[in-house]
Amino acid sequence: MAKYKLEYIWLDGYEPVPNLRGKTQVKEFANFPTLEELPMWGFDGSSTRQAEGHNSDCMLKPVAVFPDSTKKNGALVMCEVMMPDGKTPHRTNARATIHDDPDAWFGFEQEYFLYKDGVPLGFPKGGGFPPPQGKYYTGVGYDAVGCIAREIVDTHLDLCLDAGINHEGINAEVAKGQWEFQIFGKGSRKAADQMWIARYILMRLCEKYGVDVNFHCKPLGPDVDWNGSGMHSNFSTKHMREVGGKSYFEALMNAFDKHKNEHIAVYGPDNHLRLTGLHETQSIDKFNYGIANRGASVRVPHSFVNNGYKGYLEDRRPNSQGDPYKIASRILQTIATVPTK
């Protein structure tokens, strides 16, 4: 038997964006624990805006477990928040009630800024701005990306792969101090679990550098010529991959247009600051799609059209603070309204 350090991770009750929380317990197991072996665990919900002080107990229900290579016998345990009975999902538990389909594939493109001393990495400490956007996207060299960020994002990639997360790549983004990583998963819960754990790993990693991860969709404000951050969501269902067809695609896009307000409602806060029709976005109150069009609500890859309108599509509206549970669920809800026969 060995002692394992189990980091239980959950989403708190803050609005409009929940914070990641975590606490560790030590348990003995013969081997790396399976999900079924992990016990539920209580916490003080009055300190996370999930309960009142006079009745503060909430429960953590493990739903996914990943190896943590930063610790000897470490494990990262993604949890749902439950009521004290251990059976009823807490009102802040978005995961428990989402639409799920194991044949639905999601690829999330998480953009973010790395901040130190209140400004993005590479911004002048005394105020002002670095040279304009242009050379930073996929940039190489100190002038483009500095000396800390590359080490952070490369280490994050390694830690995610060690954990068994389907981390599919990284790149420097359009703005100075802005980066992106991509997560792929089959099923909305599985894909979103991995995205939340990847966010957690990144934030924890940055602690030792004195760096914060800023996920706000427009941290530099709407009045400057600097890109915001999104979480573009690539998606496909079995029908989209294997049957597809132009008529089905057009019906799907009509449904996305019809339900555009419902999508925007769960695509992250302050999206009106980002979806302006500028900086590779469509306006928040409009819906359109276009082949290879990064200024559209939904980008249609050339491969999708060339393959007989089969494959995946990219919804570019979700922002970097969006909850992947809610985003994936809303996409599947809209897809479900379109007949496949």
Protein backbone atom coordinates (compact mmCIF):
# COMPACT_ATOMS: atom_id res chain seq x y z
CA MET A 1 0.00 0.00 0.00
CA ALA A 2 1.15 3.52 -0.78
CA LYS A 3 -0.03 6.90 0.41
CA TYR A 4 -1.55 8.96 -2.42
CA LYS A 5 -2.00 12.72 -2.37
CA LEU A 6 -5.47 13.40 -3.78
CA GLU A 7 -6.13 16.99 -4.87
CA TYR A 8 -9.92 17.39 -4.98
CA ILE A 9 -10.79 20.16 -7.45
CA TRP A 10 -14.16 21.87 -7.90
CA LEU A 11 -15.89 25.02 -9.10
CA ASP A 12 -17.12 27.48 -6.49
CA GLY A 13 -20.27 29.61 -6.40
CA TYR A 14 -18.87 32.92 -7.62
CA GLU A 15 -20.71 34.61 -10.49
CA PRO A 16 -20.61 35.19 -13.37
CA VAL A 17 -17.44 33.07 -13.47
CA PRO A 18 -16.72 30.30 -10.97
CA ASN A 19 -13.26 29.98 -9.50
CA LEU A 20 -11.33 26.74 -9.29
CA ARG A 21 -10.83 25.47 -5.74
CA GLY A 22 -8.72 22.60 -4.45
CA LYS A 23 -7.75 20.79 -1.27
CA THR A 24 -5.68 17.69 -0.61
CA GLN A 25 -6.31 14.54 1.36
CA VAL A 26 -4.03 11.53 1.79
CA LYS A 27 -5.37 7.98 1.31
CA GLU A 28 -3.72 4.58 1.00
CA PHE A 29 -4.17 2.47 -2.14
CA ALA A 30 -2.38 -0.56 -3.57
CA ASN A 31 -2.20 1.14 -7.00
CA PHE A 32 -3.16 4.45 -8.58
CA PRO A 33 -6.79 4.84 -7.46
CA THR A 34 -9.70 4.27 -9.81
CA LEU A 35 -12.60 6.69 -9.83
CA GLU A 36 -14.76 4.10 -8.04
CA GLU A 37 -12.27 3.91 -5.17
CA LEU A 38 -12.30 7.64 -4.45
CA PRO A 39 -14.56 8.69 -1.56
CA MET A 40 -16.83 11.70 -1.43
CA TRP A 41 -15.47 14.50 0.74
CA GLY A 42 -17.05 17.44 2.49
CA PHE A 43 -16.05 21.11 2.51
CA ASP A 44 -17.16 24.44 3.93
CA GLY A 45 -19.53 25.86 1.34
CA SER A 46 -19.95 29.09 3.31
CA SER A 47 -16.40 30.05 2.29
CA THR A 48 -17.03 29.44 -1.43
CA ARG A 49 -20.45 31.13 -1.84
CA GLN A 50 -22.15 27.74 -1.94
CA ALA A 51 -23.81 27.65 1.49
CA GLU A 52 -24.74 29.75 4.53
CA GLY A 53 -22.60 29.62 7.66
CA HIS A 54 -25.36 28.08 9.77
CA ASN A 55 -25.66 25.13 7.34
CA SER A 56 -22.34 25.09 5.52
CA ASP A 57 -21.64 21.49 4.54
CA CYS A 58 -21.32 20.61 0.85
CA MET A 59 -19.99 17.40 -0.67
CA LEU A 60 -17.44 16.72 -3.39
CA LYS A 61 -18.24 13.84 -5.74
CA PRO A 62 -15.24 12.63 -7.79
CA VAL A 63 -16.06 12.42 -11.51
CA ALA A 64 -12.61 12.17 -13.14
CA VAL A 65 -9.09 11.40 -11.91
CA PHE A 66 -5.71 12.21 -13.47
CA PRO A 67 -2.10 11.48 -12.43
CA ASP A 68 -0.24 14.48 -11.02
CA SER A 69 3.41 14.20 -12.03
CA THR A 70 4.42 17.19 -9.88
CA LYS A 71 4.01 15.05 -6.73
CA LYS A 72 5.04 11.57 -5.68
CA ASN A 73 1.86 9.48 -5.84
CA GLY A 74 -0.18 12.54 -6.75
CA ALA A 75 -3.66 12.62 -8.28
CA LEU A 76 -5.89 15.42 -9.59
CA VAL A 77 -9.54 14.67 -8.87
CA MET A 78 -12.22 16.66 -10.71
CA CYS A 79 -15.37 16.84 -8.62
CA GLU A 80 -19.00 17.85 -8.81
CA VAL A 81 -20.48 19.76 -5.88
CA MET A 82 -23.38 17.98 -4.20
CA MET A 83 -25.78 18.81 -1.40
CA PRO A 84 -25.14 17.22 2.04
CA ASP A 85 -27.12 14.11 1.08
CA GLY A 86 -24.44 13.33 -1.49
CA LYS A 87 -27.09 12.67 -4.15
CA THR A 88 -28.63 16.01 -5.06
CA PRO A 89 -26.53 18.25 -7.35
CA HIS A 90 -25.80 21.67 -5.88
CA ARG A 91 -27.31 24.64 -7.72
CA THR A 92 -23.80 25.62 -8.87
CA ASN A 93 -23.15 22.16 -10.33
CA ALA A 94 -23.37 22.81 -14.07
CA ARG A 95 -21.87 19.45 -15.00
CA ALA A 96 -24.60 17.23 -13.55
CA THR A 97 -27.39 18.32 -15.88
CA ILE A 98 -25.68 19.06 -19.19
CA HIS A 99 -26.46 17.39 -22.49
CA ASP A 100 -23.90 14.71 -23.23
CA ASP A 101 -23.18 12.44 -26.17
CA PRO A 102 -20.11 10.16 -26.22
CA ASP A 103 -20.12 10.37 -30.03
CA ALA A 104 -19.90 14.18 -29.93
CA TRP A 105 -16.32 15.40 -30.28
CA PHE A 106 -15.16 18.77 -28.95
CA GLY A 107 -11.93 20.68 -29.45
CA PHE A 108 -11.55 23.76 -27.24
CA GLU A 109 -9.01 26.46 -28.13
CA GLN A 110 -8.24 28.23 -24.85
CA GLU A 111 -6.74 31.69 -25.21
CA TYR A 112 -5.43 33.63 -22.22
CA PHE A 113 -2.99 36.33 -21.12
CA LEU A 114 -0.08 35.87 -18.73
CA TYR A 115 0.09 38.81 -16.30
CA LYS A 116 2.83 39.96 -13.97
CA ASP A 117 2.69 43.07 -11.79
CA GLY A 118 -0.70 43.97 -13.21
CA VAL A 119 0.20 43.97 -16.92
CA PRO A 120 0.66 41.33 -19.62
CA LEU A 121 4.13 39.83 -19.89
CA GLY A 122 6.19 42.07 -22.17
CA PHE A 123 4.21 45.27 -21.50
CA PRO A 124 6.15 48.24 -20.11
CA LYS A 125 5.96 48.27 -16.31
CA GLY A 126 5.65 52.04 -16.16
CA GLY A 127 2.58 52.14 -18.39
CA GLY A 128 1.97 52.34 -22.10
CA PHE A 129 2.12 49.62 -24.71
CA PRO A 130 4.68 47.54 -26.59
CA PRO A 131 4.88 47.73 -30.40
CA PRO A 132 1.57 46.96 -32.15
CA GLN A 133 0.25 43.49 -32.91
CA GLY A 134 1.78 41.72 -35.86
CA LYS A 135 4.90 39.82 -34.89
CA TYR A 136 3.64 38.15 -31.71
CA TYR A 137 1.37 35.47 -33.20
CA THR A 138 3.41 32.22 -33.31
CA GLY A 139 6.39 34.46 -32.59
CA VAL A 140 9.90 33.24 -31.79
CA GLY A 141 12.61 35.05 -29.85
CA TYR A 142 12.86 37.21 -26.76
CA ASP A 143 11.47 40.30 -28.50
CA ALA A 144 8.29 38.42 -29.39
CA VAL A 145 7.63 36.20 -26.37
CA GLY A 146 10.07 37.18 -23.63
CA CYS A 147 11.96 34.76 -21.37
CA ILE A 148 9.33 33.30 -19.01
CA ALA A 149 6.27 32.49 -21.11
CA ARG A 150 7.85 29.79 -23.28
CA GLU A 151 9.00 27.88 -20.20
CA ILE A 152 5.52 28.12 -18.68
CA VAL A 153 3.59 26.95 -21.73
CA ASP A 154 6.02 24.12 -22.54
CA THR A 155 5.92 22.89 -18.94
CA HIS A 156 2.13 23.11 -18.95
CA LEU A 157 2.02 20.98 -22.08
CA ASP A 158 4.24 18.32 -20.46
CA LEU A 159 2.20 18.28 -17.24
CA CYS A 160 -1.06 17.87 -19.15
CA LEU A 161 0.35 15.00 -21.19
CA ASP A 162 1.66 13.38 -18.00
CA ALA A 163 -1.89 13.59 -16.63
CA GLY A 164 -3.35 11.85 -19.67
CA ILE A 165 -5.11 15.00 -20.86
CA ASN A 166 -5.63 15.27 -24.61
CA HIS A 167 -3.63 18.49 -24.92
CA GLU A 168 -3.15 18.96 -28.66
CA GLY A 169 -0.92 21.98 -29.00
CA ILE A 170 0.18 25.50 -28.05
CA ASN A 171 1.01 28.76 -29.77
CA ALA A 172 1.73 32.37 -28.98
CA GLU A 173 -1.30 34.46 -29.87
CA VAL A 174 -1.90 37.78 -31.63
CA ALA A 175 -1.41 40.09 -28.65
CA LYS A 176 1.75 40.48 -26.60
CA GLY A 177 1.65 38.16 -23.60
CA GLN A 178 -1.26 36.15 -25.04
CA TRP A 179 -1.15 32.38 -25.57
CA GLU A 180 -3.38 29.48 -26.53
CA PHE A 181 -3.62 25.77 -25.84
CA GLN A 182 -6.01 23.20 -27.33
CA ILE A 183 -7.87 20.36 -25.63
CA PHE A 184 -9.76 17.57 -27.44
CA GLY A 185 -12.27 15.17 -25.93
CA LYS A 186 -15.06 12.78 -26.89
CA GLY A 187 -18.27 13.61 -25.04
CA SER A 188 -19.09 17.01 -23.55
CA ARG A 189 -18.37 15.99 -19.95
CA LYS A 190 -15.03 14.37 -20.76
CA ALA A 191 -13.85 17.27 -22.92
CA ALA A 192 -14.92 19.86 -20.35
CA ASP A 193 -13.41 17.92 -17.42
CA GLN A 194 -10.07 17.95 -19.21
CA MET A 195 -10.31 21.66 -20.00
CA TRP A 196 -10.99 22.57 -16.36
CA ILE A 197 -8.10 20.40 -15.16
CA ALA A 198 -5.82 21.93 -17.81
CA ARG A 199 -6.78 25.39 -16.56
CA TYR A 200 -6.05 24.30 -13.00
CA ILE A 201 -2.62 22.92 -13.92
CA LEU A 202 -1.73 26.16 -15.71
CA MET A 203 -2.82 28.40 -12.83
CA ARG A 204 -1.00 26.29 -10.25
CA LEU A 205 2.15 26.20 -12.39
CA CYS A 206 2.19 30.00 -12.71
CA GLU A 207 2.24 30.44 -8.93
CA LYS A 208 5.98 29.77 -8.72
CA TYR A 209 6.71 32.38 -11.40
CA GLY A 210 4.70 35.11 -9.67
CA VAL A 211 2.48 35.16 -12.76
CA ASP A 212 -1.32 35.23 -13.00
CA VAL A 213 -3.40 33.71 -15.77
CA ASN A 214 -5.93 36.28 -17.01
CA PHE A 215 -8.84 34.56 -18.72
CA HIS A 216 -10.94 37.71 -19.21
CA CYS A 217 -12.10 38.03 -22.79
CA LYS A 218 -10.94 41.65 -23.17
CA PRO A 219 -8.48 42.39 -20.36
CA LEU A 220 -6.96 45.42 -22.10
CA GLY A 221 -10.37 46.99 -22.66
CA PRO A 222 -12.50 47.60 -25.75
CA ASP A 223 -10.96 50.92 -26.76
CA VAL A 224 -7.48 49.74 -27.72
CA ASP A 225 -6.27 47.90 -30.81
CA TRP A 226 -5.41 44.65 -29.03
CA ASN A 227 -7.13 41.30 -29.51
CA GLY A 228 -9.37 39.75 -26.92
CA SER A 229 -9.37 36.10 -25.87
CA GLY A 230 -11.75 33.39 -26.96
CA MET A 231 -12.30 29.71 -26.47
CA HIS A 232 -13.21 28.73 -30.01
CA SER A 233 -15.17 25.48 -29.85
CA ASN A 234 -14.76 22.90 -32.59
CA PHE A 235 -17.49 20.30 -32.62
CA SER A 236 -18.88 17.36 -34.53
CA THR A 237 -21.40 14.59 -34.00
CA LYS A 238 -21.37 11.12 -35.51
CA HIS A 239 -24.00 12.29 -38.02
CA MET A 240 -21.91 15.32 -38.99
CA ARG A 241 -18.83 13.17 -39.53
CA GLU A 242 -20.43 10.21 -41.31
CA VAL A 243 -23.55 11.54 -43.09
CA GLY A 244 -23.55 15.32 -43.20
CA GLY A 245 -24.64 16.89 -46.47
CA LYS A 246 -25.30 20.46 -47.56
CA SER A 247 -29.00 20.47 -46.69
CA TYR A 248 -28.31 19.23 -43.15
CA PHE A 249 -25.53 21.79 -42.73
CA GLU A 250 -27.81 24.64 -43.83
CA ALA A 251 -30.55 23.47 -41.46
CA LEU A 252 -27.98 23.32 -38.65
CA MET A 253 -26.82 26.86 -39.32
CA ASN A 254 -30.42 28.06 -39.37
CA ALA A 255 -30.88 26.49 -35.94
CA PHE A 256 -27.70 28.18 -34.64
CA ASP A 257 -29.05 31.49 -35.94
CA LYS A 258 -32.45 30.90 -34.33
CA HIS A 259 -30.88 30.12 -30.95
CA LYS A 260 -28.06 32.67 -31.11
CA ASN A 261 -29.19 34.48 -27.96
CA GLU A 262 -29.29 31.26 -25.95
CA HIS A 263 -25.75 30.50 -27.09
CA ILE A 264 -24.43 33.96 -26.21
CA ALA A 265 -26.01 33.64 -22.75
CA VAL A 266 -23.62 30.79 -21.84
CA TYR A 267 -20.61 31.74 -23.98
CA GLY A 268 -18.90 33.75 -21.24
CA PRO A 269 -19.35 37.15 -19.53
CA ASP A 270 -18.52 40.52 -21.07
CA ASN A 271 -18.61 39.04 -24.57
CA HIS A 272 -20.05 42.31 -25.88
CA LEU A 273 -16.58 43.77 -25.32
CA ARG A 274 -15.02 41.11 -27.55
CA LEU A 275 -17.66 40.34 -30.20
CA THR A 276 -17.63 43.72 -31.92
CA GLY A 277 -17.10 42.76 -35.55
CA LEU A 278 -13.42 43.65 -35.21
CA HIS A 279 -10.32 41.62 -34.28
CA GLU A 280 -11.48 38.42 -35.97
CA THR A 281 -15.01 38.44 -34.51
CA GLN A 282 -18.62 38.86 -35.64
CA SER A 283 -20.89 41.30 -33.76
CA ILE A 284 -22.57 39.80 -30.72
CA ASP A 285 -26.11 40.44 -32.02
CA LYS A 286 -25.54 38.82 -35.42
CA PHE A 287 -24.97 35.29 -36.68
CA ASN A 288 -23.19 34.25 -39.85
CA TYR A 289 -20.95 31.52 -41.15
CA GLY A 290 -18.26 31.41 -43.78
CA ILE A 291 -15.68 29.14 -45.32
CA ALA A 292 -12.32 29.79 -43.62
CA ASN A 293 -13.78 33.07 -42.31
CA ARG A 294 -12.30 33.96 -38.93
CA GLY A 295 -14.59 36.97 -38.72
CA ALA A 296 -17.69 34.76 -38.78
CA SER A 297 -19.73 33.36 -35.90
CA VAL A 298 -19.05 29.85 -37.23
CA ARG A 299 -16.00 29.10 -39.35
CA VAL A 300 -16.49 26.36 -41.92
CA PRO A 301 -13.21 24.57 -42.74
CA HIS A 302 -12.40 23.91 -46.39
CA SER A 303 -12.05 20.24 -45.45
CA PHE A 304 -15.69 20.18 -44.33
CA VAL A 305 -16.97 21.39 -47.69
CA ASN A 306 -14.51 19.33 -49.73
CA ASN A 307 -15.66 16.21 -47.85
CA GLY A 308 -19.29 16.62 -48.87
CA TYR A 309 -20.21 18.88 -45.93
CA LYS A 310 -19.01 16.30 -43.45
CA GLY A 311 -16.66 16.79 -40.50
CA TYR A 312 -16.35 19.47 -37.83
CA LEU A 313 -17.32 23.13 -37.49
CA GLU A 314 -15.82 25.90 -35.35
CA ASP A 315 -18.01 28.16 -33.23
CA ARG A 316 -15.84 31.23 -32.66
CA ARG A 317 -18.17 33.03 -30.25
CA PRO A 318 -17.37 31.34 -26.90
CA ASN A 319 -14.97 33.44 -24.89
CA SER A 320 -11.98 32.55 -22.77
CA GLN A 321 -13.88 32.67 -19.45
CA GLY A 322 -16.71 30.48 -20.71
CA ASP A 323 -17.65 27.31 -18.84
CA PRO A 324 -16.95 24.41 -21.23
CA TYR A 325 -19.70 22.34 -19.59
CA LYS A 326 -22.32 24.93 -20.51
CA ILE A 327 -20.83 25.67 -23.93
CA ALA A 328 -20.74 22.04 -25.06
CA SER A 329 -24.22 21.41 -23.67
CA ARG A 330 -25.73 24.38 -25.51
CA ILE A 331 -24.15 23.28 -28.80
CA LEU A 332 -25.62 19.79 -28.38
CA GLN A 333 -29.03 21.25 -27.45
CA THR A 334 -29.17 23.18 -30.69
CA ILE A 335 -27.93 20.27 -32.76
CA ALA A 336 -30.68 18.11 -31.25
CA THR A 337 -33.36 20.40 -32.76
CA VAL A 338 -32.27 19.53 -36.31
CA PRO A 339 -33.73 16.31 -37.80
CA THR A 340 -31.21 13.83 -39.19
CA LYS A 341 -33.67 12.12 -41.54
